[in-house]
Amino acid sequence: FSTGYDECDVLTNDWWTQEAGGLPKHSLLVAKPLLEGS
């Protein structure tokens, strides 16, 4: 929901986090474009 060249802020919630097995510090995540090509 807020991004820059070096850092970004990610909106998450407890349900997604628990389903994903937690989000430990230093976790590697992949961000895919939502509206690719438009």
PDB file of all heavy atoms in Angstrom:
ATOM      1  N   PHE A   1       0.812  -1.219   0.000  1.00  0.00           N
ATOM      2  CA  PHE A   1       0.000   0.000   0.000  1.00  0.00           C
ATOM      3  C   PHE A   1       0.847   1.272   0.000  1.00  0.00           C
ATOM      4  O   PHE A   1       0.323   2.366  -0.191  1.00  0.00           O
ATOM      5  CB  PHE A   1      -0.966   0.006   1.192  1.00  0.00           C
ATOM      6  CG  PHE A   1      -0.321   0.184   2.544  1.00  0.00           C
ATOM      7  CD1 PHE A   1      -0.089   1.444   3.065  1.00  0.00           C
ATOM      8  CD2 PHE A   1       0.035  -0.922   3.305  1.00  0.00           C
ATOM      9  CE1 PHE A   1       0.491   1.603   4.315  1.00  0.00           C
ATOM     10  CE2 PHE A   1       0.614  -0.767   4.554  1.00  0.00           C
ATOM     11  CZ  PHE A   1       0.850   0.502   5.067  1.00  0.00           C
ATOM     12  N   SER A   2       2.145   1.142   0.219  1.00  0.00           N
ATOM     13  CA  SER A   2       3.038   2.290   0.132  1.00  0.00           C
ATOM     14  C   SER A   2       4.397   1.771  -0.266  1.00  0.00           C
ATOM     15  O   SER A   2       4.904   0.814   0.334  1.00  0.00           O
ATOM     16  CB  SER A   2       3.120   3.010   1.485  1.00  0.00           C
ATOM     17  OG  SER A   2       4.051   4.071   1.436  1.00  0.00           O
ATOM     18  N   THR A   3       4.979   2.368  -1.297  1.00  0.00           N
ATOM     19  CA  THR A   3       6.213   1.790  -1.808  1.00  0.00           C
ATOM     20  C   THR A   3       7.211   2.867  -2.200  1.00  0.00           C
ATOM     21  O   THR A   3       6.879   4.041  -2.349  1.00  0.00           O
ATOM     22  CB  THR A   3       5.938   0.872  -3.026  1.00  0.00           C
ATOM     23  OG1 THR A   3       7.124   0.182  -3.366  1.00  0.00           O
ATOM     24  CG2 THR A   3       5.480   1.690  -4.229  1.00  0.00           C
ATOM     25  N   GLY A   4       8.453   2.440  -2.358  1.00  0.00           N
ATOM     26  CA  GLY A   4       9.540   3.288  -2.813  1.00  0.00           C
ATOM     27  C   GLY A   4      10.573   2.421  -3.485  1.00  0.00           C
ATOM     28  O   GLY A   4      10.342   1.232  -3.741  1.00  0.00           O
ATOM     29  N   TYR A   5      11.725   2.990  -3.766  1.00  0.00           N
ATOM     30  CA  TYR A   5      12.750   2.219  -4.455  1.00  0.00           C
ATOM     31  C   TYR A   5      13.469   1.231  -3.539  1.00  0.00           C
ATOM     32  O   TYR A   5      13.995   0.222  -3.999  1.00  0.00           O
ATOM     33  CB  TYR A   5      13.777   3.165  -5.077  1.00  0.00           C
ATOM     34  CG  TYR A   5      13.226   3.981  -6.215  1.00  0.00           C
ATOM     35  CD1 TYR A   5      12.949   5.336  -6.042  1.00  0.00           C
ATOM     36  CD2 TYR A   5      12.980   3.412  -7.464  1.00  0.00           C
ATOM     37  CE1 TYR A   5      12.443   6.098  -7.085  1.00  0.00           C
ATOM     38  CE2 TYR A   5      12.473   4.158  -8.511  1.00  0.00           C
ATOM     39  CZ  TYR A   5      12.204   5.504  -8.317  1.00  0.00           C
ATOM     40  OH  TYR A   5      11.697   6.239  -9.349  1.00  0.00           O
ATOM     41  N   ASP A   6      13.506   1.520  -2.257  1.00  0.00           N
ATOM     42  CA  ASP A   6      14.268   0.685  -1.329  1.00  0.00           C
ATOM     43  C   ASP A   6      13.398  -0.046  -0.310  1.00  0.00           C
ATOM     44  O   ASP A   6      13.791  -1.094   0.188  1.00  0.00           O
ATOM     45  CB  ASP A   6      15.294   1.538  -0.574  1.00  0.00           C
ATOM     46  CG  ASP A   6      16.278   2.214  -1.505  1.00  0.00           C
ATOM     47  OD1 ASP A   6      16.823   1.511  -2.377  1.00  0.00           O
ATOM     48  OD2 ASP A   6      16.486   3.431  -1.364  1.00  0.00           O
ATOM     49  N   GLU A   7      12.241   0.515   0.020  1.00  0.00           N
ATOM     50  CA  GLU A   7      11.358  -0.075   1.018  1.00  0.00           C
ATOM     51  C   GLU A   7       9.918   0.012   0.556  1.00  0.00           C
ATOM     52  O   GLU A   7       9.574   0.828  -0.312  1.00  0.00           O
ATOM     53  CB  GLU A   7      11.487   0.652   2.368  1.00  0.00           C
ATOM     54  CG  GLU A   7      12.797   0.461   3.074  1.00  0.00           C
ATOM     55  CD  GLU A   7      12.827   1.149   4.433  1.00  0.00           C
ATOM     56  OE1 GLU A   7      11.977   2.058   4.664  1.00  0.00           O
ATOM     57  OE2 GLU A   7      13.674   0.779   5.256  1.00  0.00           O
ATOM     58  N   CYS A   8       9.086  -0.824   1.151  1.00  0.00           N
ATOM     59  CA  CYS A   8       7.652  -0.738   0.898  1.00  0.00           C
ATOM     60  C   CYS A   8       6.909  -1.184   2.150  1.00  0.00           C
ATOM     61  O   CYS A   8       7.468  -1.863   3.020  1.00  0.00           O
ATOM     62  CB  CYS A   8       7.244  -1.581  -0.303  1.00  0.00           C
ATOM     63  SG  CYS A   8       7.420  -3.365  -0.059  1.00  0.00           S
ATOM     64  N   ASP A   9       5.648  -0.782   2.240  1.00  0.00           N
ATOM     65  CA  ASP A   9       4.783  -1.184   3.347  1.00  0.00           C
ATOM     66  C   ASP A   9       3.711  -2.118   2.817  1.00  0.00           C
ATOM     67  O   ASP A   9       3.095  -1.849   1.775  1.00  0.00           O
ATOM     68  CB  ASP A   9       4.145   0.036   4.007  1.00  0.00           C
ATOM     69  CG  ASP A   9       5.170   0.892   4.736  1.00  0.00           C
ATOM     70  OD1 ASP A   9       6.215   0.339   5.119  1.00  0.00           O
ATOM     71  OD2 ASP A   9       4.920   2.099   4.912  1.00  0.00           O
ATOM     72  N   VAL A  10       3.496  -3.207   3.539  1.00  0.00           N
ATOM     73  CA  VAL A  10       2.576  -4.257   3.104  1.00  0.00           C
ATOM     74  C   VAL A  10       1.413  -4.347   4.088  1.00  0.00           C
ATOM     75  O   VAL A  10       1.621  -4.417   5.307  1.00  0.00           O
ATOM     76  CB  VAL A  10       3.307  -5.620   3.023  1.00  0.00           C
ATOM     77  CG1 VAL A  10       2.342  -6.720   2.619  1.00  0.00           C
ATOM     78  CG2 VAL A  10       4.481  -5.538   2.060  1.00  0.00           C
ATOM     79  N   LEU A  11       0.209  -4.326   3.546  1.00  0.00           N
ATOM     80  CA  LEU A  11      -0.988  -4.552   4.359  1.00  0.00           C
ATOM     81  C   LEU A  11      -1.197  -6.052   4.508  1.00  0.00           C
ATOM     82  O   LEU A  11      -1.246  -6.781   3.517  1.00  0.00           O
ATOM     83  CB  LEU A  11      -2.215  -3.926   3.684  1.00  0.00           C
ATOM     84  CG  LEU A  11      -3.567  -4.199   4.363  1.00  0.00           C
ATOM     85  CD1 LEU A  11      -3.635  -3.483   5.709  1.00  0.00           C
ATOM     86  CD2 LEU A  11      -4.714  -3.774   3.459  1.00  0.00           C
ATOM     87  N   THR A  12      -1.317  -6.530   5.734  1.00  0.00           N
ATOM     88  CA  THR A  12      -1.558  -7.956   5.978  1.00  0.00           C
ATOM     89  C   THR A  12      -2.568  -8.088   7.102  1.00  0.00           C
ATOM     90  O   THR A  12      -3.047  -7.084   7.637  1.00  0.00           O
ATOM     91  CB  THR A  12      -0.244  -8.679   6.333  1.00  0.00           C
ATOM     92  OG1 THR A  12      -0.490 -10.082   6.434  1.00  0.00           O
ATOM     93  CG2 THR A  12       0.336  -8.184   7.650  1.00  0.00           C
ATOM     94  N   ASN A  13      -2.948  -9.295   7.431  1.00  0.00           N
ATOM     95  CA  ASN A  13      -3.813  -9.500   8.599  1.00  0.00           C
ATOM     96  C   ASN A  13      -3.464 -10.824   9.261  1.00  0.00           C
ATOM     97  O   ASN A  13      -2.747 -11.657   8.698  1.00  0.00           O
ATOM     98  CB  ASN A  13      -5.305  -9.420   8.230  1.00  0.00           C
ATOM     99  CG  ASN A  13      -5.761 -10.540   7.324  1.00  0.00           C
ATOM    100  OD1 ASN A  13      -5.466 -11.708   7.554  1.00  0.00           O
ATOM    101  ND2 ASN A  13      -6.496 -10.203   6.264  1.00  0.00           N
ATOM    102  N   ASP A  14      -3.964 -11.013  10.454  1.00  0.00           N
ATOM    103  CA  ASP A  14      -3.574 -12.165  11.268  1.00  0.00           C
ATOM    104  C   ASP A  14      -3.940 -13.486  10.608  1.00  0.00           C
ATOM    105  O   ASP A  14      -3.223 -14.483  10.748  1.00  0.00           O
ATOM    106  CB  ASP A  14      -4.231 -12.068  12.648  1.00  0.00           C
ATOM    107  CG  ASP A  14      -3.723 -10.874  13.435  1.00  0.00           C
ATOM    108  OD1 ASP A  14      -2.673 -10.336  13.057  1.00  0.00           O
ATOM    109  OD2 ASP A  14      -4.378 -10.483  14.424  1.00  0.00           O
ATOM    110  N   TRP A  15      -5.076 -13.512   9.897  1.00  0.00           N
ATOM    111  CA  TRP A  15      -5.519 -14.762   9.268  1.00  0.00           C
ATOM    112  C   TRP A  15      -4.530 -15.190   8.190  1.00  0.00           C
ATOM    113  O   TRP A  15      -4.084 -16.331   8.146  1.00  0.00           O
ATOM    114  CB  TRP A  15      -6.927 -14.596   8.696  1.00  0.00           C
ATOM    115  CG  TRP A  15      -7.362 -15.756   7.856  1.00  0.00           C
ATOM    116  CD1 TRP A  15      -7.434 -15.819   6.506  1.00  0.00           C
ATOM    117  CD2 TRP A  15      -7.757 -17.062   8.321  1.00  0.00           C
ATOM    118  NE1 TRP A  15      -7.849 -17.044   6.077  1.00  0.00           N
ATOM    119  CE2 TRP A  15      -8.061 -17.844   7.182  1.00  0.00           C
ATOM    120  CE3 TRP A  15      -7.889 -17.627   9.585  1.00  0.00           C
ATOM    121  CZ2 TRP A  15      -8.492 -19.153   7.278  1.00  0.00           C
ATOM    122  CZ3 TRP A  15      -8.320 -18.942   9.662  1.00  0.00           C
ATOM    123  CH2 TRP A  15      -8.618 -19.694   8.519  1.00  0.00           C
ATOM    124  N   TRP A  16      -4.192 -14.259   7.293  1.00  0.00           N
ATOM    125  CA  TRP A  16      -3.232 -14.596   6.232  1.00  0.00           C
ATOM    126  C   TRP A  16      -1.888 -15.017   6.823  1.00  0.00           C
ATOM    127  O   TRP A  16      -1.256 -15.959   6.362  1.00  0.00           O
ATOM    128  CB  TRP A  16      -3.011 -13.381   5.319  1.00  0.00           C
ATOM    129  CG  TRP A  16      -4.214 -12.971   4.527  1.00  0.00           C
ATOM    130  CD1 TRP A  16      -5.288 -13.747   4.201  1.00  0.00           C
ATOM    131  CD2 TRP A  16      -4.459 -11.681   3.980  1.00  0.00           C
ATOM    132  NE1 TRP A  16      -6.196 -13.026   3.477  1.00  0.00           N
ATOM    133  CE2 TRP A  16      -5.712 -11.755   3.314  1.00  0.00           C
ATOM    134  CE3 TRP A  16      -3.768 -10.482   3.984  1.00  0.00           C
ATOM    135  CZ2 TRP A  16      -6.260 -10.659   2.658  1.00  0.00           C
ATOM    136  CZ3 TRP A  16      -4.300  -9.391   3.319  1.00  0.00           C
ATOM    137  CH2 TRP A  16      -5.536  -9.477   2.678  1.00  0.00           C
ATOM    138  N   THR A  17      -1.457 -14.294   7.842  1.00  0.00           N
ATOM    139  CA  THR A  17      -0.162 -14.589   8.454  1.00  0.00           C
ATOM    140  C   THR A  17      -0.134 -15.978   9.058  1.00  0.00           C
ATOM    141  O   THR A  17       0.827 -16.743   8.874  1.00  0.00           O
ATOM    142  CB  THR A  17       0.154 -13.542   9.534  1.00  0.00           C
ATOM    143  OG1 THR A  17       0.226 -12.255   8.933  1.00  0.00           O
ATOM    144  CG2 THR A  17       1.478 -13.854  10.209  1.00  0.00           C
ATOM    145  N   GLN A  18      -1.207 -16.341   9.783  1.00  0.00           N
ATOM    146  CA  GLN A  18      -1.233 -17.654  10.420  1.00  0.00           C
ATOM    147  C   GLN A  18      -1.336 -18.761   9.386  1.00  0.00           C
ATOM    148  O   GLN A  18      -0.681 -19.802   9.504  1.00  0.00           O
ATOM    149  CB  GLN A  18      -2.396 -17.740  11.407  1.00  0.00           C
ATOM    150  CG  GLN A  18      -2.368 -19.026  12.242  1.00  0.00           C
ATOM    151  CD  GLN A  18      -3.283 -18.950  13.448  1.00  0.00           C
ATOM    152  OE1 GLN A  18      -3.734 -17.882  13.835  1.00  0.00           O
ATOM    153  NE2 GLN A  18      -3.549 -20.100  14.035  1.00  0.00           N
ATOM    154  N   GLU A  19      -2.133 -18.556   8.351  1.00  0.00           N
ATOM    155  CA  GLU A  19      -2.256 -19.554   7.285  1.00  0.00           C
ATOM    156  C   GLU A  19      -0.920 -19.771   6.568  1.00  0.00           C
ATOM    157  O   GLU A  19      -0.636 -20.873   6.101  1.00  0.00           O
ATOM    158  CB  GLU A  19      -3.325 -19.110   6.278  1.00  0.00           C
ATOM    159  CG  GLU A  19      -4.752 -19.287   6.763  1.00  0.00           C
ATOM    160  CD  GLU A  19      -5.095 -20.747   6.960  1.00  0.00           C
ATOM    161  OE1 GLU A  19      -5.164 -21.486   5.950  1.00  0.00           O
ATOM    162  OE2 GLU A  19      -5.265 -21.173   8.113  1.00  0.00           O
ATOM    163  N   ALA A  20      -0.113 -18.702   6.492  1.00  0.00           N
ATOM    164  CA  ALA A  20       1.175 -18.799   5.797  1.00  0.00           C
ATOM    165  C   ALA A  20       2.279 -19.337   6.691  1.00  0.00           C
ATOM    166  O   ALA A  20       3.429 -19.439   6.262  1.00  0.00           O
ATOM    167  CB  ALA A  20       1.573 -17.430   5.252  1.00  0.00           C
ATOM    168  N   GLY A  21       1.923 -19.678   7.937  1.00  0.00           N
ATOM    169  CA  GLY A  21       2.946 -20.196   8.840  1.00  0.00           C
ATOM    170  C   GLY A  21       3.782 -19.108   9.463  1.00  0.00           C
ATOM    171  O   GLY A  21       4.919 -19.351   9.879  1.00  0.00           O
ATOM    172  N   GLY A  22       3.244 -17.907   9.541  1.00  0.00           N
ATOM    173  CA  GLY A  22       3.951 -16.801  10.167  1.00  0.00           C
ATOM    174  C   GLY A  22       4.785 -16.011   9.173  1.00  0.00           C
ATOM    175  O   GLY A  22       5.062 -16.463   8.058  1.00  0.00           O
ATOM    176  N   LEU A  23       5.147 -14.811   9.594  1.00  0.00           N
ATOM    177  CA  LEU A  23       6.020 -13.946   8.797  1.00  0.00           C
ATOM    178  C   LEU A  23       7.211 -13.534   9.655  1.00  0.00           C
ATOM    179  O   LEU A  23       7.256 -12.428  10.198  1.00  0.00           O
ATOM    180  CB  LEU A  23       5.256 -12.700   8.319  1.00  0.00           C
ATOM    181  CG  LEU A  23       4.274 -12.882   7.169  1.00  0.00           C
ATOM    182  CD1 LEU A  23       3.588 -11.566   6.846  1.00  0.00           C
ATOM    183  CD2 LEU A  23       4.994 -13.412   5.935  1.00  0.00           C
ATOM    184  N   PRO A  24       8.197 -14.407   9.795  1.00  0.00           N
ATOM    185  CA  PRO A  24       9.363 -14.068  10.618  1.00  0.00           C
ATOM    186  C   PRO A  24      10.126 -12.885  10.026  1.00  0.00           C
ATOM    187  O   PRO A  24      10.048 -12.603   8.827  1.00  0.00           O
ATOM    188  CB  PRO A  24      10.214 -15.343  10.567  1.00  0.00           C
ATOM    189  CG  PRO A  24       9.311 -16.412  10.069  1.00  0.00           C
ATOM    190  CD  PRO A  24       8.301 -15.750   9.212  1.00  0.00           C
ATOM    191  N   LYS A  25      10.842 -12.201  10.878  1.00  0.00           N
ATOM    192  CA  LYS A  25      11.725 -11.154  10.397  1.00  0.00           C
ATOM    193  C   LYS A  25      12.738 -11.768   9.427  1.00  0.00           C
ATOM    194  O   LYS A  25      13.205 -12.886   9.619  1.00  0.00           O
ATOM    195  CB  LYS A  25      12.458 -10.503  11.577  1.00  0.00           C
ATOM    196  CG  LYS A  25      13.224  -9.247  11.215  1.00  0.00           C
ATOM    197  CD  LYS A  25      13.828  -8.606  12.452  1.00  0.00           C
ATOM    198  CE  LYS A  25      14.542  -7.309  12.087  1.00  0.00           C
ATOM    199  NZ  LYS A  25      15.150  -6.664  13.280  1.00  0.00           N
ATOM    200  N   HIS A  26      13.011 -11.046   8.348  1.00  0.00           N
ATOM    201  CA  HIS A  26      13.943 -11.449   7.287  1.00  0.00           C
ATOM    202  C   HIS A  26      13.318 -12.433   6.300  1.00  0.00           C
ATOM    203  O   HIS A  26      14.020 -12.947   5.415  1.00  0.00           O
ATOM    204  CB  HIS A  26      15.242 -12.035   7.849  1.00  0.00           C
ATOM    205  CG  HIS A  26      15.937 -11.135   8.814  1.00  0.00           C
ATOM    206  ND1 HIS A  26      16.508 -11.601   9.987  1.00  0.00           N
ATOM    207  CD2 HIS A  26      16.142  -9.793   8.802  1.00  0.00           C
ATOM    208  CE1 HIS A  26      17.026 -10.587  10.645  1.00  0.00           C
ATOM    209  NE2 HIS A  26      16.824  -9.479   9.955  1.00  0.00           N
ATOM    210  N   SER A  27      12.000 -12.719   6.436  1.00  0.00           N
ATOM    211  CA  SER A  27      11.355 -13.615   5.468  1.00  0.00           C
ATOM    212  C   SER A  27      11.457 -13.038   4.063  1.00  0.00           C
ATOM    213  O   SER A  27      11.332 -11.828   3.854  1.00  0.00           O
ATOM    214  CB  SER A  27       9.873 -13.795   5.814  1.00  0.00           C
ATOM    215  OG  SER A  27       9.697 -14.398   7.059  1.00  0.00           O
ATOM    216  N   LEU A  28      11.669 -13.917   3.097  1.00  0.00           N
ATOM    217  CA  LEU A  28      11.676 -13.522   1.695  1.00  0.00           C
ATOM    218  C   LEU A  28      10.262 -13.650   1.134  1.00  0.00           C
ATOM    219  O   LEU A  28       9.642 -14.712   1.248  1.00  0.00           O
ATOM    220  CB  LEU A  28      12.644 -14.393   0.898  1.00  0.00           C
ATOM    221  CG  LEU A  28      14.125 -14.230   1.247  1.00  0.00           C
ATOM    222  CD1 LEU A  28      14.968 -15.283   0.537  1.00  0.00           C
ATOM    223  CD2 LEU A  28      14.617 -12.830   0.890  1.00  0.00           C
ATOM    224  N   LEU A  29       9.764 -12.589   0.545  1.00  0.00           N
ATOM    225  CA  LEU A  29       8.420 -12.543  -0.016  1.00  0.00           C
ATOM    226  C   LEU A  29       8.499 -12.135  -1.480  1.00  0.00           C
ATOM    227  O   LEU A  29       9.460 -11.487  -1.904  1.00  0.00           O
ATOM    228  CB  LEU A  29       7.537 -11.546   0.747  1.00  0.00           C
ATOM    229  CG  LEU A  29       7.442 -11.736   2.267  1.00  0.00           C
ATOM    230  CD1 LEU A  29       6.614 -10.610   2.880  1.00  0.00           C
ATOM    231  CD2 LEU A  29       6.849 -13.095   2.619  1.00  0.00           C
ATOM    232  N   VAL A  30       7.471 -12.500  -2.251  1.00  0.00           N
ATOM    233  CA  VAL A  30       7.410 -12.159  -3.667  1.00  0.00           C
ATOM    234  C   VAL A  30       6.174 -11.309  -3.906  1.00  0.00           C
ATOM    235  O   VAL A  30       5.064 -11.692  -3.514  1.00  0.00           O
ATOM    236  CB  VAL A  30       7.365 -13.419  -4.551  1.00  0.00           C
ATOM    237  CG1 VAL A  30       7.257 -13.029  -6.023  1.00  0.00           C
ATOM    238  CG2 VAL A  30       8.600 -14.274  -4.319  1.00  0.00           C
ATOM    239  N   ALA A  31       6.357 -10.171  -4.534  1.00  0.00           N
ATOM    240  CA  ALA A  31       5.247  -9.258  -4.830  1.00  0.00           C
ATOM    241  C   ALA A  31       4.992  -9.252  -6.330  1.00  0.00           C
ATOM    242  O   ALA A  31       5.864  -8.896  -7.121  1.00  0.00           O
ATOM    243  CB  ALA A  31       5.573  -7.859  -4.330  1.00  0.00           C
ATOM    244  N   LYS A  32       3.751  -9.641  -6.711  1.00  0.00           N
ATOM    245  CA  LYS A  32       3.382  -9.719  -8.127  1.00  0.00           C
ATOM    246  C   LYS A  32       2.495  -8.540  -8.497  1.00  0.00           C
ATOM    247  O   LYS A  32       1.620  -8.143  -7.727  1.00  0.00           O
ATOM    248  CB  LYS A  32       2.629 -11.023  -8.390  1.00  0.00           C
ATOM    249  CG  LYS A  32       2.098 -11.155  -9.812  1.00  0.00           C
ATOM    250  CD  LYS A  32       1.177 -12.347  -9.945  1.00  0.00           C
ATOM    251  CE  LYS A  32       0.564 -12.388 -11.347  1.00  0.00           C
ATOM    252  NZ  LYS A  32      -0.404 -13.499 -11.497  1.00  0.00           N
ATOM    253  N   PRO A  33       2.695  -7.953  -9.704  1.00  0.00           N
ATOM    254  CA  PRO A  33       1.837  -6.857 -10.132  1.00  0.00           C
ATOM    255  C   PRO A  33       0.367  -7.274 -10.155  1.00  0.00           C
ATOM    256  O   PRO A  33       0.020  -8.356 -10.621  1.00  0.00           O
ATOM    257  CB  PRO A  33       2.340  -6.539 -11.540  1.00  0.00           C
ATOM    258  CG  PRO A  33       3.723  -7.068 -11.581  1.00  0.00           C
ATOM    259  CD  PRO A  33       3.732  -8.268 -10.687  1.00  0.00           C
ATOM    260  N   LEU A  34      -0.493  -6.403  -9.664  1.00  0.00           N
ATOM    261  CA  LEU A  34      -1.929  -6.702  -9.610  1.00  0.00           C
ATOM    262  C   LEU A  34      -2.608  -6.451 -10.944  1.00  0.00           C
ATOM    263  O   LEU A  34      -3.468  -7.211 -11.374  1.00  0.00           O
ATOM    264  CB  LEU A  34      -2.582  -5.841  -8.524  1.00  0.00           C
ATOM    265  CG  LEU A  34      -4.096  -5.976  -8.349  1.00  0.00           C
ATOM    266  CD1 LEU A  34      -4.436  -7.388  -7.909  1.00  0.00           C
ATOM    267  CD2 LEU A  34      -4.592  -4.961  -7.332  1.00  0.00           C
ATOM    268  N   LEU A  35      -2.245  -5.373 -11.628  1.00  0.00           N
ATOM    269  CA  LEU A  35      -2.876  -4.998 -12.896  1.00  0.00           C
ATOM    270  C   LEU A  35      -1.818  -4.926 -13.986  1.00  0.00           C
ATOM    271  O   LEU A  35      -1.566  -3.881 -14.573  1.00  0.00           O
ATOM    272  CB  LEU A  35      -3.594  -3.657 -12.754  1.00  0.00           C
ATOM    273  CG  LEU A  35      -4.767  -3.645 -11.771  1.00  0.00           C
ATOM    274  CD1 LEU A  35      -5.238  -2.230 -11.549  1.00  0.00           C
ATOM    275  CD2 LEU A  35      -5.891  -4.512 -12.294  1.00  0.00           C
ATOM    276  N   GLU A  36      -1.164  -6.044 -14.238  1.00  0.00           N
ATOM    277  CA  GLU A  36      -0.090  -6.100 -15.222  1.00  0.00           C
ATOM    278  C   GLU A  36      -0.614  -5.753 -16.609  1.00  0.00           C
ATOM    279  O   GLU A  36      -1.614  -6.313 -17.072  1.00  0.00           O
ATOM    280  CB  GLU A  36       0.519  -7.499 -15.249  1.00  0.00           C
ATOM    281  CG  GLU A  36       1.648  -7.665 -16.249  1.00  0.00           C
ATOM    282  CD  GLU A  36       2.911  -6.975 -15.784  1.00  0.00           C
ATOM    283  OE1 GLU A  36       2.993  -6.596 -14.604  1.00  0.00           O
ATOM    284  OE2 GLU A  36       3.823  -6.810 -16.613  1.00  0.00           O
ATOM    285  N   GLY A  37       0.015  -4.799 -17.281  1.00  0.00           N
ATOM    286  CA  GLY A  37      -0.323  -4.478 -18.658  1.00  0.00           C
ATOM    287  C   GLY A  37      -1.348  -3.382 -18.810  1.00  0.00           C
ATOM    288  O   GLY A  37      -1.647  -2.973 -19.921  1.00  0.00           O
ATOM    289  N   SER A  38      -1.955  -2.872 -17.734  1.00  0.00           N
ATOM    290  CA  SER A  38      -2.947  -1.802 -17.843  1.00  0.00           C
ATOM    291  C   SER A  38      -2.439  -0.555 -17.141  1.00  0.00           C
ATOM    292  O   SER A  38      -1.721  -0.630 -16.156  1.00  0.00           O
ATOM    293  CB  SER A  38      -4.275  -2.243 -17.203  1.00  0.00           C
ATOM    294  OG  SER A  38      -4.810  -3.350 -17.880  1.00  0.00           O
TER     295      SER A  38
END
